[in-house]
N, C-alpha and C. Protein backbone atom coordinates (compact mmCIF):
# COMPACT_ATOMS: atom_id res chain seq x y z
N MET A 1 -31.25 13.63 -1.57
CA MET A 1 -30.46 15.41 -1.94
C MET A 1 -28.72 14.68 -1.38
N SER A 2 -28.32 14.66 -2.97
CA SER A 2 -26.98 14.32 -2.04
C SER A 2 -26.03 15.16 -1.04
N ASP A 3 -25.51 14.23 0.20
CA ASP A 3 -24.32 14.83 1.42
C ASP A 3 -23.41 15.84 0.66
N PRO A 4 -23.21 17.23 0.59
CA PRO A 4 -22.13 18.32 0.38
C PRO A 4 -20.86 17.73 0.41
N LYS A 5 -20.60 16.71 1.99
CA LYS A 5 -19.48 17.04 2.37
C LYS A 5 -18.69 15.81 1.08
N PHE A 6 -19.45 14.88 0.84
CA PHE A 6 -18.36 14.13 -0.39
C PHE A 6 -19.21 14.19 -1.54
N ILE A 7 -18.79 14.22 -2.76
CA ILE A 7 -19.23 14.45 -4.19
C ILE A 7 -18.57 12.86 -4.63
N ALA A 8 -19.29 12.14 -5.66
CA ALA A 8 -19.22 11.25 -6.14
C ALA A 8 -17.96 11.19 -7.23
N LEU A 9 -17.06 10.41 -7.38
CA LEU A 9 -15.82 10.66 -8.34
C LEU A 9 -16.22 10.23 -9.56
N THR A 10 -17.00 10.93 -10.67
CA THR A 10 -17.20 10.40 -11.59
C THR A 10 -15.40 9.72 -12.56
N PRO A 11 -14.71 9.47 -13.54
CA PRO A 11 -14.00 9.35 -14.25
C PRO A 11 -13.43 10.30 -14.76
N GLU A 12 -14.34 11.50 -15.43
CA GLU A 12 -14.23 12.44 -15.86
C GLU A 12 -12.95 13.25 -14.76
N LEU A 13 -13.41 13.32 -13.52
CA LEU A 13 -13.37 13.96 -12.67
C LEU A 13 -11.81 13.65 -11.88
N HIS A 14 -11.95 11.92 -11.71
CA HIS A 14 -10.84 11.93 -11.73
C HIS A 14 -9.50 11.28 -12.23
N ASP A 15 -9.90 12.00 -13.77
CA ASP A 15 -8.79 11.99 -14.14
C ASP A 15 -8.08 13.20 -14.63
N TYR A 16 -9.42 14.55 -13.84
CA TYR A 16 -9.31 15.55 -13.11
C TYR A 16 -8.17 15.54 -12.07
N VAL A 17 -8.32 14.68 -11.32
CA VAL A 17 -7.63 15.06 -9.79
C VAL A 17 -6.21 14.45 -10.15
N VAL A 18 -5.73 13.07 -11.38
CA VAL A 18 -4.72 13.00 -11.74
C VAL A 18 -4.11 13.71 -12.36
N ARG A 19 -5.14 14.61 -13.44
CA ARG A 19 -3.93 15.20 -13.73
C ARG A 19 -3.21 16.90 -13.13
N ASN A 20 -4.18 16.81 -11.88
CA ASN A 20 -3.34 18.38 -11.31
C ASN A 20 -3.42 17.55 -9.67
N GLY A 21 -3.26 16.66 -9.50
CA GLY A 21 -2.45 16.01 -8.50
C GLY A 21 -2.13 14.73 -8.17
N ALA A 22 -1.10 14.09 -9.25
CA ALA A 22 -0.18 13.40 -9.47
C ALA A 22 0.43 13.50 -10.01
N ARG A 23 2.03 14.07 -10.44
CA ARG A 23 2.56 14.04 -11.04
C ARG A 23 3.71 12.93 -11.51
N GLU A 24 2.79 11.92 -12.18
CA GLU A 24 3.03 10.79 -12.52
C GLU A 24 4.24 11.23 -13.77
N ASP A 25 5.58 10.53 -14.01
CA ASP A 25 6.57 10.91 -14.79
C ASP A 25 6.36 9.37 -15.77
N ASP A 26 7.50 9.65 -16.87
CA ASP A 26 7.42 8.94 -17.83
C ASP A 26 7.65 7.79 -17.10
N ALA A 27 9.11 7.43 -16.65
CA ALA A 27 8.86 5.71 -15.80
C ALA A 27 7.61 4.88 -14.92
N LEU A 28 6.80 6.08 -14.32
CA LEU A 28 5.54 5.50 -13.63
C LEU A 28 4.60 5.29 -14.35
N ALA A 29 4.46 5.61 -15.53
CA ALA A 29 3.38 5.99 -16.42
C ALA A 29 3.68 4.86 -17.62
N ALA A 30 5.41 4.57 -17.61
CA ALA A 30 5.49 3.37 -18.28
C ALA A 30 5.13 1.78 -17.55
N VAL A 31 5.08 1.95 -16.19
CA VAL A 31 4.76 0.53 -15.48
C VAL A 31 3.12 0.15 -15.24
N ARG A 32 2.75 1.86 -15.57
CA ARG A 32 0.73 1.62 -15.80
C ARG A 32 0.40 0.64 -16.82
N GLU A 33 1.58 1.20 -18.00
CA GLU A 33 0.63 1.40 -18.99
C GLU A 33 1.16 -0.37 -20.06
N SER A 34 2.46 -1.03 -18.82
CA SER A 34 2.89 -2.23 -19.23
C SER A 34 2.23 -3.35 -18.33
N THR A 35 1.39 -3.03 -17.30
CA THR A 35 0.59 -3.97 -16.07
C THR A 35 -0.52 -3.92 -16.74
N ALA A 36 -0.99 -2.61 -17.35
CA ALA A 36 -2.71 -2.40 -17.99
C ALA A 36 -2.89 -3.97 -18.77
N ALA A 37 -1.74 -3.84 -19.81
CA ALA A 37 -1.45 -5.12 -21.43
C ALA A 37 -1.66 -6.36 -20.43
N LEU A 38 -1.85 -6.33 -18.44
CA LEU A 38 -1.72 -8.11 -18.28
C LEU A 38 -3.07 -8.63 -18.09
N GLY A 39 -4.08 -7.35 -18.29
CA GLY A 39 -5.43 -7.92 -18.06
C GLY A 39 -5.91 -7.32 -17.03
N ASP A 40 -7.24 -8.09 -16.70
CA ASP A 40 -7.52 -8.02 -15.87
C ASP A 40 -6.91 -8.36 -14.10
N VAL A 41 -5.90 -8.74 -14.11
CA VAL A 41 -5.58 -8.60 -12.66
C VAL A 41 -4.68 -7.29 -12.52
N ALA A 42 -4.38 -6.12 -13.94
CA ALA A 42 -3.91 -4.98 -13.35
C ALA A 42 -4.67 -4.27 -12.34
N VAL A 43 -5.98 -4.76 -12.57
CA VAL A 43 -6.82 -3.89 -10.93
C VAL A 43 -5.69 -3.65 -10.04
N MET A 44 -5.02 -5.14 -9.32
CA MET A 44 -4.45 -4.62 -8.56
C MET A 44 -3.30 -3.53 -8.31
N GLN A 45 -2.99 -2.90 -9.27
CA GLN A 45 -2.53 -1.88 -9.75
C GLN A 45 -2.81 -1.01 -8.54
N ILE A 46 -2.10 0.68 -8.03
CA ILE A 46 -2.65 1.51 -7.49
C ILE A 46 -2.58 2.65 -8.59
N SER A 47 -3.67 3.45 -7.89
CA SER A 47 -3.73 4.27 -9.63
C SER A 47 -2.94 5.24 -8.90
N PRO A 48 -2.45 6.17 -10.11
CA PRO A 48 -1.41 7.47 -9.75
C PRO A 48 -1.86 8.73 -8.94
N ASP A 49 -2.92 8.91 -8.11
CA ASP A 49 -3.55 9.70 -7.15
C ASP A 49 -2.65 9.01 -6.06
N GLN A 50 -3.19 8.00 -5.36
CA GLN A 50 -2.92 7.25 -4.53
C GLN A 50 -0.96 6.62 -4.61
N GLY A 51 -0.58 6.74 -6.09
CA GLY A 51 0.76 6.38 -5.46
C GLY A 51 1.94 8.13 -5.08
N ALA A 52 0.91 9.33 -5.71
CA ALA A 52 1.09 10.73 -5.60
C ALA A 52 1.08 10.69 -3.30
N LEU A 53 -0.30 9.97 -3.21
CA LEU A 53 -0.27 10.54 -1.53
C LEU A 53 0.96 9.14 -1.21
N MET A 54 1.30 8.06 -1.24
CA MET A 54 1.85 7.15 -1.31
C MET A 54 3.67 7.77 -0.81
N THR A 55 3.92 8.33 -1.94
CA THR A 55 4.74 9.29 -2.28
C THR A 55 5.02 10.36 -0.61
N MET A 56 3.66 11.56 -0.86
CA MET A 56 3.48 12.53 0.34
C MET A 56 3.79 11.64 1.67
N LEU A 57 3.23 10.46 1.63
CA LEU A 57 3.24 10.27 3.16
C LEU A 57 4.39 9.88 3.67
N THR A 58 5.36 8.89 2.80
CA THR A 58 6.91 7.95 3.46
C THR A 58 7.33 9.78 3.69
N ARG A 59 7.51 10.76 2.78
CA ARG A 59 7.97 12.07 2.74
C ARG A 59 7.24 12.98 4.08
N LEU A 60 6.02 12.88 4.96
CA LEU A 60 5.91 13.33 5.87
C LEU A 60 6.16 12.74 6.89
N VAL A 61 6.65 11.25 7.26
CA VAL A 61 6.99 10.65 8.42
C VAL A 61 8.20 10.78 8.13
N GLY A 62 8.83 11.09 7.20
CA GLY A 62 10.55 10.92 7.70
C GLY A 62 11.09 9.67 7.54
N ALA A 63 10.85 8.89 6.20
CA ALA A 63 10.84 7.27 6.86
C ALA A 63 12.28 7.49 5.59
N THR A 64 12.66 6.52 6.64
CA THR A 64 14.59 5.91 6.10
C THR A 64 14.22 4.97 5.84
N LYS A 65 13.34 4.01 6.64
CA LYS A 65 13.34 2.28 6.46
C LYS A 65 11.47 1.84 6.57
N ALA A 66 11.53 1.56 5.41
CA ALA A 66 9.73 0.86 5.09
C ALA A 66 9.76 -0.30 4.72
N ILE A 67 8.46 -0.91 4.77
CA ILE A 67 7.94 -2.42 4.18
C ILE A 67 6.63 -2.24 3.44
N GLU A 68 6.56 -3.24 2.44
CA GLU A 68 5.36 -3.10 1.52
C GLU A 68 4.82 -4.97 1.31
N LEU A 69 3.97 -5.13 1.18
CA LEU A 69 3.62 -6.71 1.47
C LEU A 69 2.47 -6.25 0.09
N GLY A 70 3.26 -7.05 -0.67
CA GLY A 70 2.45 -6.84 -2.13
C GLY A 70 2.80 -5.88 -3.26
N THR A 71 3.17 -6.54 -3.83
CA THR A 71 4.57 -5.09 -4.74
C THR A 71 4.10 -5.24 -6.13
N PHE A 72 3.87 -6.55 -7.01
CA PHE A 72 3.42 -6.41 -7.97
C PHE A 72 3.85 -6.38 -8.33
N THR A 73 3.50 -5.19 -9.68
CA THR A 73 4.72 -4.98 -10.44
C THR A 73 5.93 -3.54 -10.39
N GLY A 74 5.36 -2.83 -9.15
CA GLY A 74 6.52 -2.18 -8.75
C GLY A 74 6.30 -0.98 -8.40
N TYR A 75 5.04 -0.41 -8.87
CA TYR A 75 4.35 1.26 -9.06
C TYR A 75 4.61 1.77 -7.57
N SER A 76 3.85 1.18 -6.46
CA SER A 76 3.91 1.37 -5.40
C SER A 76 5.02 1.56 -4.43
N ALA A 77 5.50 0.32 -5.01
CA ALA A 77 7.27 0.30 -4.05
C ALA A 77 8.18 1.57 -5.33
N ILE A 78 7.85 2.27 -6.27
CA ILE A 78 8.65 3.24 -6.77
C ILE A 78 8.21 4.38 -6.14
N CYS A 79 7.00 4.16 -5.51
CA CYS A 79 6.38 5.76 -5.19
C CYS A 79 7.32 5.97 -4.07
N ILE A 80 6.69 4.46 -3.06
CA ILE A 80 7.75 4.85 -1.86
C ILE A 80 8.71 5.32 -1.39
N ALA A 81 9.49 4.06 -2.79
CA ALA A 81 11.42 4.51 -2.73
C ALA A 81 11.17 6.13 -2.24
N ARG A 82 10.80 6.21 -3.89
CA ARG A 82 10.89 7.77 -3.87
C ARG A 82 10.48 8.49 -2.86
N GLY A 83 10.31 8.30 -1.75
CA GLY A 83 9.77 9.25 -1.05
C GLY A 83 10.32 9.34 0.36
N LEU A 84 11.34 8.56 0.37
CA LEU A 84 12.45 8.26 1.51
C LEU A 84 13.15 9.03 1.13
N GLU A 85 14.01 8.96 2.96
CA GLU A 85 15.03 10.00 3.38
C GLU A 85 16.47 9.36 2.94
N PRO A 86 17.21 10.11 2.01
CA PRO A 86 18.45 9.63 1.97
C PRO A 86 19.21 8.46 2.71
N GLY A 87 19.53 7.45 1.89
CA GLY A 87 19.83 6.53 2.61
C GLY A 87 19.04 5.55 3.28
N GLY A 88 17.67 6.00 2.92
CA GLY A 88 17.07 4.93 3.10
C GLY A 88 16.42 3.74 2.19
N ARG A 89 15.61 2.60 2.44
CA ARG A 89 15.37 1.29 2.43
C ARG A 89 14.20 0.85 2.26
N LEU A 90 13.68 0.50 1.40
CA LEU A 90 12.68 -0.27 1.33
C LEU A 90 12.78 -1.96 1.04
N THR A 91 11.55 -2.55 1.92
CA THR A 91 11.70 -3.82 1.85
C THR A 91 10.76 -4.46 1.31
N ALA A 92 10.51 -4.77 -0.45
CA ALA A 92 9.45 -4.93 -1.23
C ALA A 92 9.03 -6.32 -1.66
N CYS A 93 7.90 -7.05 -0.60
CA CYS A 93 7.43 -8.26 -0.49
C CYS A 93 6.52 -8.56 -1.52
N GLU A 94 7.10 -9.72 -2.10
CA GLU A 94 6.32 -10.03 -3.43
C GLU A 94 6.09 -11.59 -3.09
N LEU A 95 5.23 -12.27 -3.23
CA LEU A 95 4.93 -14.17 -3.17
C LEU A 95 5.07 -14.44 -4.91
N GLU A 96 5.15 -13.74 -5.75
CA GLU A 96 5.45 -14.33 -7.25
C GLU A 96 6.95 -13.71 -7.69
N PRO A 97 7.69 -15.08 -7.50
CA PRO A 97 9.17 -14.89 -9.02
C PRO A 97 8.27 -13.71 -10.02
N GLU A 98 7.90 -14.18 -11.35
CA GLU A 98 7.70 -13.53 -12.01
C GLU A 98 7.25 -12.21 -11.98
N ARG A 99 6.43 -12.17 -10.97
CA ARG A 99 6.07 -10.60 -10.92
C ARG A 99 7.52 -9.81 -9.86
N ALA A 100 7.88 -10.49 -9.00
CA ALA A 100 8.60 -9.58 -8.29
C ALA A 100 10.37 -9.19 -9.64
N GLU A 101 10.36 -10.24 -10.68
CA GLU A 101 11.17 -10.04 -11.17
C GLU A 101 11.31 -8.35 -12.25
N ALA A 102 9.62 -8.48 -13.11
CA ALA A 102 8.89 -7.37 -13.47
C ALA A 102 9.09 -6.21 -13.11
N ALA A 103 9.11 -6.01 -11.40
CA ALA A 103 9.06 -5.24 -10.16
C ALA A 103 10.81 -4.28 -10.64
N ARG A 104 11.44 -5.91 -10.34
CA ARG A 104 13.04 -5.44 -10.20
C ARG A 104 13.58 -4.43 -11.48
N ALA A 105 12.77 -4.86 -12.97
CA ALA A 105 13.20 -4.40 -13.97
C ALA A 105 12.53 -2.70 -14.06
N ASN A 106 10.73 -2.66 -13.35
CA ASN A 106 10.99 -1.54 -13.37
C ASN A 106 11.64 -0.80 -12.32
N PHE A 107 11.98 -0.98 -11.57
CA PHE A 107 13.09 0.06 -10.27
C PHE A 107 14.29 0.47 -11.07
N GLU A 108 14.74 -0.73 -12.12
CA GLU A 108 16.24 -0.13 -12.42
C GLU A 108 15.78 0.90 -13.01
N ALA A 109 14.30 1.26 -14.17
CA ALA A 109 13.94 2.03 -15.55
C ALA A 109 14.10 3.29 -14.51
N ALA A 110 13.35 3.08 -13.25
CA ALA A 110 12.52 4.08 -12.53
C ALA A 110 14.02 4.98 -11.97
N GLY A 111 14.99 4.20 -11.51
CA GLY A 111 15.98 4.36 -10.75
C GLY A 111 16.71 4.46 -9.37
N VAL A 112 15.80 3.88 -8.99
CA VAL A 112 15.00 3.44 -7.53
C VAL A 112 15.91 2.26 -7.24
N ALA A 113 16.02 0.95 -7.74
CA ALA A 113 16.75 -0.29 -7.77
C ALA A 113 17.67 -0.03 -6.48
N ASP A 114 18.60 1.09 -6.27
CA ASP A 114 19.17 0.57 -5.71
C ASP A 114 19.12 1.07 -3.98
N ARG A 115 17.59 1.63 -3.79
CA ARG A 115 17.30 1.76 -1.84
C ARG A 115 16.18 0.54 -1.93
N ILE A 116 15.34 -0.19 -2.99
CA ILE A 116 14.84 -1.72 -2.22
C ILE A 116 15.42 -2.96 -2.46
N ASP A 117 14.70 -3.27 -1.22
CA ASP A 117 15.30 -5.09 -1.37
C ASP A 117 14.15 -5.79 -1.78
N ILE A 118 14.12 -7.18 -2.48
CA ILE A 118 13.24 -7.67 -3.04
C ILE A 118 12.93 -9.04 -2.49
N ALA A 119 12.02 -9.02 -1.40
CA ALA A 119 11.55 -10.83 -0.87
C ALA A 119 11.21 -11.28 -0.76
N VAL A 120 11.40 -12.54 -1.90
CA VAL A 120 10.50 -12.98 -2.95
C VAL A 120 9.94 -13.95 -2.15
N GLY A 121 7.96 -14.49 -2.17
CA GLY A 121 7.93 -15.50 -1.47
C GLY A 121 7.14 -15.29 -0.35
N PRO A 122 6.15 -15.89 0.68
CA PRO A 122 5.60 -15.69 1.99
C PRO A 122 5.44 -14.83 2.26
N ALA A 123 5.00 -12.76 2.08
CA ALA A 123 5.32 -12.04 3.53
C ALA A 123 5.14 -12.40 4.75
N SER A 124 4.26 -13.68 5.16
CA SER A 124 4.20 -13.95 6.61
C SER A 124 5.71 -14.28 6.74
N GLU A 125 6.18 -15.26 5.77
CA GLU A 125 7.72 -15.60 6.27
C GLU A 125 8.49 -14.35 6.41
N THR A 126 8.35 -13.57 5.32
CA THR A 126 9.33 -12.03 5.90
C THR A 126 9.34 -11.29 6.81
N LEU A 127 7.86 -11.19 7.28
CA LEU A 127 7.88 -10.57 8.45
C LEU A 127 8.05 -11.51 9.94
N ALA A 128 7.86 -13.06 10.18
CA ALA A 128 8.21 -13.87 10.70
C ALA A 128 10.20 -13.69 11.39
N ARG A 129 10.20 -12.97 10.22
CA ARG A 129 12.23 -13.00 10.38
C ARG A 129 12.53 -11.73 10.72
N LEU A 130 11.61 -10.98 10.44
CA LEU A 130 11.91 -9.25 10.76
C LEU A 130 11.87 -9.06 12.16
N THR A 131 9.82 -8.92 12.91
CA THR A 131 9.68 -8.87 13.31
C THR A 131 10.22 -9.44 14.74
N GLY A 132 10.90 -10.60 14.84
CA GLY A 132 11.91 -11.47 15.98
C GLY A 132 13.52 -10.78 15.83
N SER A 133 13.67 -9.63 14.92
CA SER A 133 14.80 -9.37 15.44
C SER A 133 15.07 -7.07 14.75
N GLU A 134 14.05 -6.38 14.55
CA GLU A 134 13.96 -5.96 13.74
C GLU A 134 12.79 -5.15 14.82
N ALA A 135 12.13 -5.23 15.88
CA ALA A 135 10.96 -4.89 16.24
C ALA A 135 11.15 -2.74 16.17
N GLU A 136 10.37 -2.18 15.91
CA GLU A 136 9.99 -1.14 16.22
C GLU A 136 11.54 -0.31 15.56
N ALA A 137 11.89 -0.89 14.04
CA ALA A 137 13.00 -0.45 13.64
C ALA A 137 12.77 0.72 12.28
N TYR A 138 10.74 0.41 11.68
CA TYR A 138 10.87 0.84 10.37
C TYR A 138 9.62 1.84 10.89
N ASP A 139 9.88 2.71 9.41
CA ASP A 139 9.13 4.08 9.67
C ASP A 139 7.56 4.15 9.07
N PHE A 140 7.30 3.30 7.69
CA PHE A 140 6.90 3.29 7.17
C PHE A 140 6.14 1.40 6.93
N ALA A 141 4.81 1.61 6.91
CA ALA A 141 4.53 0.46 6.03
C ALA A 141 3.21 0.47 5.38
N PHE A 142 3.79 -0.68 4.13
CA PHE A 142 1.95 -0.47 3.42
C PHE A 142 1.86 -2.35 2.76
N ILE A 143 0.17 -1.67 3.53
CA ILE A 143 0.05 -3.26 3.20
C ILE A 143 -1.16 -4.02 2.41
N ASP A 144 -0.70 -4.44 1.70
CA ASP A 144 -1.80 -4.39 -0.43
C ASP A 144 -1.62 -5.64 -0.88
N ALA A 145 -1.53 -6.69 0.54
CA ALA A 145 -1.49 -8.64 -0.60
C ALA A 145 -2.52 -8.90 -0.31
N ASP A 146 -2.70 -10.39 -0.26
CA ASP A 146 -4.10 -11.08 0.49
C ASP A 146 -4.80 -10.52 0.87
N LYS A 147 -5.56 -10.44 1.00
CA LYS A 147 -6.86 -9.81 1.96
C LYS A 147 -7.36 -10.38 3.62
N THR A 148 -6.87 -12.03 3.03
CA THR A 148 -7.84 -12.86 4.54
C THR A 148 -6.75 -12.53 5.06
N GLY A 149 -5.16 -12.56 4.46
CA GLY A 149 -4.09 -12.05 5.41
C GLY A 149 -3.45 -11.01 6.33
N TYR A 150 -4.64 -9.65 6.21
CA TYR A 150 -4.10 -8.54 6.85
C TYR A 150 -4.26 -8.32 7.76
N PRO A 151 -5.51 -9.65 8.58
CA PRO A 151 -4.67 -8.86 10.30
C PRO A 151 -3.54 -9.60 10.69
N GLY A 152 -3.15 -10.52 10.90
CA GLY A 152 -1.69 -10.38 10.85
C GLY A 152 -0.54 -10.21 10.08
N TYR A 153 -0.75 -9.64 8.94
CA TYR A 153 0.14 -8.42 9.13
C TYR A 153 0.16 -7.21 9.41
N TYR A 154 -1.49 -6.62 9.51
CA TYR A 154 -1.19 -5.66 10.27
C TYR A 154 -0.64 -5.79 12.35
N GLU A 155 -0.77 -6.65 12.53
CA GLU A 155 -0.17 -7.38 13.95
C GLU A 155 1.44 -6.96 13.67
N SER A 156 2.17 -7.81 13.18
CA SER A 156 3.26 -8.02 12.29
C SER A 156 3.70 -6.72 12.34
N CYS A 157 3.42 -5.17 11.52
CA CYS A 157 3.67 -4.02 10.92
C CYS A 157 3.90 -3.48 12.17
N LEU A 158 3.51 -3.59 13.04
CA LEU A 158 2.43 -2.49 14.25
C LEU A 158 4.08 -2.84 15.14
N THR A 159 4.56 -4.33 15.46
CA THR A 159 5.70 -4.80 16.34
C THR A 159 6.90 -3.87 15.06
N LEU A 160 7.13 -4.25 14.14
CA LEU A 160 8.18 -3.11 13.68
C LEU A 160 7.93 -1.82 13.36
N LEU A 161 6.43 -1.04 13.75
CA LEU A 161 6.99 0.19 13.63
C LEU A 161 7.90 0.54 14.63
N ARG A 162 8.18 1.83 14.12
CA ARG A 162 8.49 2.51 15.95
C ARG A 162 7.92 3.41 16.02
N PRO A 163 7.55 4.14 17.31
CA PRO A 163 6.16 5.10 17.67
C PRO A 163 6.32 6.45 16.81
N GLY A 164 5.43 6.21 16.37
CA GLY A 164 4.77 7.94 15.72
C GLY A 164 5.41 7.39 14.05
N GLY A 165 5.70 5.65 13.77
CA GLY A 165 5.04 5.09 12.64
C GLY A 165 3.79 5.17 11.74
N LEU A 166 4.03 4.75 10.30
CA LEU A 166 2.68 4.53 9.95
C LEU A 166 2.85 3.82 9.40
N ILE A 167 1.18 2.86 9.26
CA ILE A 167 0.54 1.47 8.37
C ILE A 167 -0.47 2.10 7.46
N VAL A 168 0.03 2.34 6.35
CA VAL A 168 -1.10 2.14 5.16
C VAL A 168 -1.85 1.34 4.61
N LEU A 169 -2.81 1.13 5.01
CA LEU A 169 -3.91 -0.15 4.04
C LEU A 169 -4.81 -0.32 3.57
N ASP A 170 -4.62 -0.77 2.40
CA ASP A 170 -4.46 -0.55 0.90
C ASP A 170 -6.21 -1.59 0.68
N ASN A 171 -6.99 -1.52 -0.24
CA ASN A 171 -8.98 -2.02 -0.58
C ASN A 171 -9.32 -1.94 0.86
N VAL A 172 -9.66 -1.17 1.83
CA VAL A 172 -10.26 -1.49 3.38
C VAL A 172 -11.93 -1.47 2.63
N LEU A 173 -12.07 -0.86 1.70
CA LEU A 173 -13.98 -0.89 1.08
C LEU A 173 -14.09 -2.08 0.52
N ARG A 174 -13.31 -2.29 0.02
CA ARG A 174 -13.73 -3.86 -0.75
C ARG A 174 -15.08 -3.15 -2.22
N GLY A 175 -14.89 -2.55 -2.61
CA GLY A 175 -15.56 -1.97 -3.80
C GLY A 175 -16.84 -2.11 -2.86
N GLY A 176 -16.73 -1.65 -1.88
CA GLY A 176 -18.14 -1.68 -1.08
C GLY A 176 -19.03 -2.24 -0.57
N THR A 177 -18.75 -3.74 -0.67
CA THR A 177 -19.03 -5.14 -0.37
C THR A 177 -18.23 -5.56 1.40
N VAL A 178 -17.88 -4.24 1.80
CA VAL A 178 -17.80 -4.17 3.87
C VAL A 178 -19.05 -3.79 4.35
N LEU A 179 -20.03 -3.28 3.81
CA LEU A 179 -21.16 -2.79 4.35
C LEU A 179 -22.00 -4.73 4.61
N ASP A 180 -21.69 -5.36 3.72
CA ASP A 180 -22.75 -6.37 3.67
C ASP A 180 -22.12 -7.99 3.55
N PRO A 181 -20.55 -8.23 3.48
CA PRO A 181 -19.51 -9.17 3.07
C PRO A 181 -21.10 -10.42 2.72
N ALA A 182 -20.43 -11.01 1.40
CA ALA A 182 -21.46 -12.33 1.01
C ALA A 182 -20.53 -13.74 1.65
N ALA A 183 -21.42 -14.52 1.88
CA ALA A 183 -21.39 -16.07 2.57
C ALA A 183 -20.01 -16.23 1.89
N ASP A 184 -19.48 -16.34 0.90
CA ASP A 184 -18.20 -16.42 0.50
C ASP A 184 -17.06 -15.60 -0.15
N ASP A 185 -17.71 -14.76 0.51
CA ASP A 185 -16.28 -13.68 0.66
C ASP A 185 -15.80 -13.50 1.13
N GLU A 186 -14.35 -14.85 1.84
CA GLU A 186 -13.65 -14.34 3.19
C GLU A 186 -12.50 -13.19 3.51
N GLY A 187 -12.42 -12.61 1.77
CA GLY A 187 -11.47 -11.52 1.63
C GLY A 187 -12.93 -10.65 2.17
N GLY A 188 -13.48 -10.60 2.15
CA GLY A 188 -14.51 -9.14 2.35
C GLY A 188 -14.82 -9.15 4.04
N ARG A 189 -15.39 -10.47 4.31
CA ARG A 189 -15.48 -10.92 5.91
C ARG A 189 -14.18 -10.05 6.70
N VAL A 190 -12.98 -10.33 6.61
CA VAL A 190 -11.74 -10.29 6.86
C VAL A 190 -12.13 -8.71 7.30
N ILE A 191 -11.91 -8.35 5.92
CA ILE A 191 -11.41 -7.09 5.58
C ILE A 191 -12.68 -6.29 6.50
N ALA A 192 -13.92 -6.42 6.61
CA ALA A 192 -14.56 -5.61 7.54
C ALA A 192 -14.36 -5.96 9.31
N GLU A 193 -14.19 -7.20 9.56
CA GLU A 193 -13.69 -7.40 10.80
C GLU A 193 -12.64 -6.19 11.35
N LEU A 194 -11.40 -6.63 10.73
CA LEU A 194 -10.47 -5.82 10.72
C LEU A 194 -10.43 -4.21 10.69
N ASN A 195 -11.26 -3.77 9.44
CA ASN A 195 -11.47 -2.45 9.85
C ASN A 195 -12.26 -1.84 11.17
N GLU A 196 -13.17 -2.73 11.59
CA GLU A 196 -13.74 -2.28 13.42
C GLU A 196 -12.70 -2.52 14.34
N ARG A 197 -11.87 -2.80 14.09
CA ARG A 197 -10.95 -3.93 14.95
C ARG A 197 -9.66 -2.15 15.36
N ILE A 198 -9.63 -2.19 14.12
CA ILE A 198 -8.76 -0.63 14.05
C ILE A 198 -8.91 0.54 14.73
N ALA A 199 -10.37 0.68 14.29
CA ALA A 199 -11.53 1.62 14.54
C ALA A 199 -11.33 2.17 16.03
N SER A 200 -11.13 1.04 17.17
CA SER A 200 -11.20 0.89 18.15
C SER A 200 -10.15 0.99 18.84
N ASP A 201 -9.35 0.45 17.81
CA ASP A 201 -7.31 0.16 18.67
C ASP A 201 -6.85 1.52 19.27
N GLU A 202 -6.08 1.42 20.11
CA GLU A 202 -5.53 2.36 21.04
C GLU A 202 -4.59 2.54 21.04
N ARG A 203 -3.97 1.26 20.52
CA ARG A 203 -2.50 1.74 19.87
C ARG A 203 -2.42 2.32 18.85
N VAL A 204 -2.70 2.51 18.57
CA VAL A 204 -3.02 3.54 16.87
C VAL A 204 -3.72 4.88 16.58
N ASP A 205 -3.38 5.84 16.28
CA ASP A 205 -4.05 7.04 15.70
C ASP A 205 -4.47 6.68 14.49
N VAL A 206 -5.93 6.53 13.55
CA VAL A 206 -6.69 5.99 12.26
C VAL A 206 -7.18 7.03 11.63
N ALA A 207 -7.36 6.99 10.26
CA ALA A 207 -7.44 7.84 9.76
C ALA A 207 -8.48 7.01 8.58
N MET A 208 -9.90 6.89 8.19
CA MET A 208 -9.87 5.75 6.68
C MET A 208 -10.40 7.07 5.49
N LEU A 209 -9.74 6.59 4.57
CA LEU A 209 -9.66 7.77 3.49
C LEU A 209 -10.35 7.33 2.01
N ALA A 210 -11.55 7.61 1.97
CA ALA A 210 -12.37 7.16 0.46
C ALA A 210 -11.31 7.81 -1.16
N VAL A 211 -10.00 6.87 -0.73
CA VAL A 211 -9.48 6.74 -1.91
C VAL A 211 -9.36 6.28 -2.81
N ALA A 212 -9.42 5.44 -3.73
CA ALA A 212 -9.35 4.36 -4.73
C ALA A 212 -10.19 3.49 -4.13
N ASP A 213 -9.86 2.40 -3.28
CA ASP A 213 -10.56 1.27 -3.50
C ASP A 213 -10.69 1.27 -1.58
N GLY A 214 -10.45 2.61 -0.95
CA GLY A 214 -10.39 2.83 0.61
C GLY A 214 -8.72 2.95 0.82
N ILE A 215 -8.68 3.34 1.55
CA ILE A 215 -6.85 3.14 2.04
C ILE A 215 -7.10 4.03 3.44
N THR A 216 -6.96 3.18 4.54
CA THR A 216 -6.98 3.21 6.11
C THR A 216 -5.60 3.97 7.22
N LEU A 217 -5.31 4.83 7.44
CA LEU A 217 -3.69 5.52 8.28
C LEU A 217 -4.11 5.25 9.09
N ALA A 218 -3.00 4.11 9.82
CA ALA A 218 -2.89 3.88 11.00
C ALA A 218 -1.20 4.21 11.62
N ARG A 219 -1.39 5.30 12.68
CA ARG A 219 -0.02 5.51 13.23
C ARG A 219 -0.29 5.03 14.29
N LYS A 220 1.19 4.97 14.72
CA LYS A 220 1.51 3.70 15.73
C LYS A 220 1.58 4.75 16.55
N ARG A 221 0.88 4.55 18.19
CA ARG A 221 1.09 5.66 19.11
C ARG A 221 2.33 5.57 20.24
């Protein structure tokens, strides 16, 4: 017997959620469609309903300063930038120069380029530079980069965030593999261990959501 507290999200039901709960405009749809043309790697892009959530969360915390780790082609960054307070800025970290250029073009098309600074290169290097001078200066952080780097990214973002600031971690369910990561699945093991650590981390308030591939919200106390 199924648990009445949750339901399986079929493709049809997900389409319904997107139609009724995500106001995806032409600019975002164009990013999604052009990214889909890249093939299997397009799975790295967040979904429209997750994008709507990102914009909402950014607005709810009244973010004027945000950071994103793992920009890819820019869909999530556009969603975050649109949720910023007037005059707000987003630092978008992307490892691959080609993806950073694609994201830059998408920011221009979406009309948010003036709110986003792109940092090309390892996110760890950008974080090391920022944490040395901007501790407790940020309101919002989105972590969606290499999974083995998540523990370090989480700690650095905690340092950057002001009390009351929000960290959002993507892919915390890893397609369900966090229940029993394979011996050769380092990313799954790292995420499973981090999930347990965050669950008991008294520095934050925490909620894990079964949205997309799992999202954890960690609010700095």
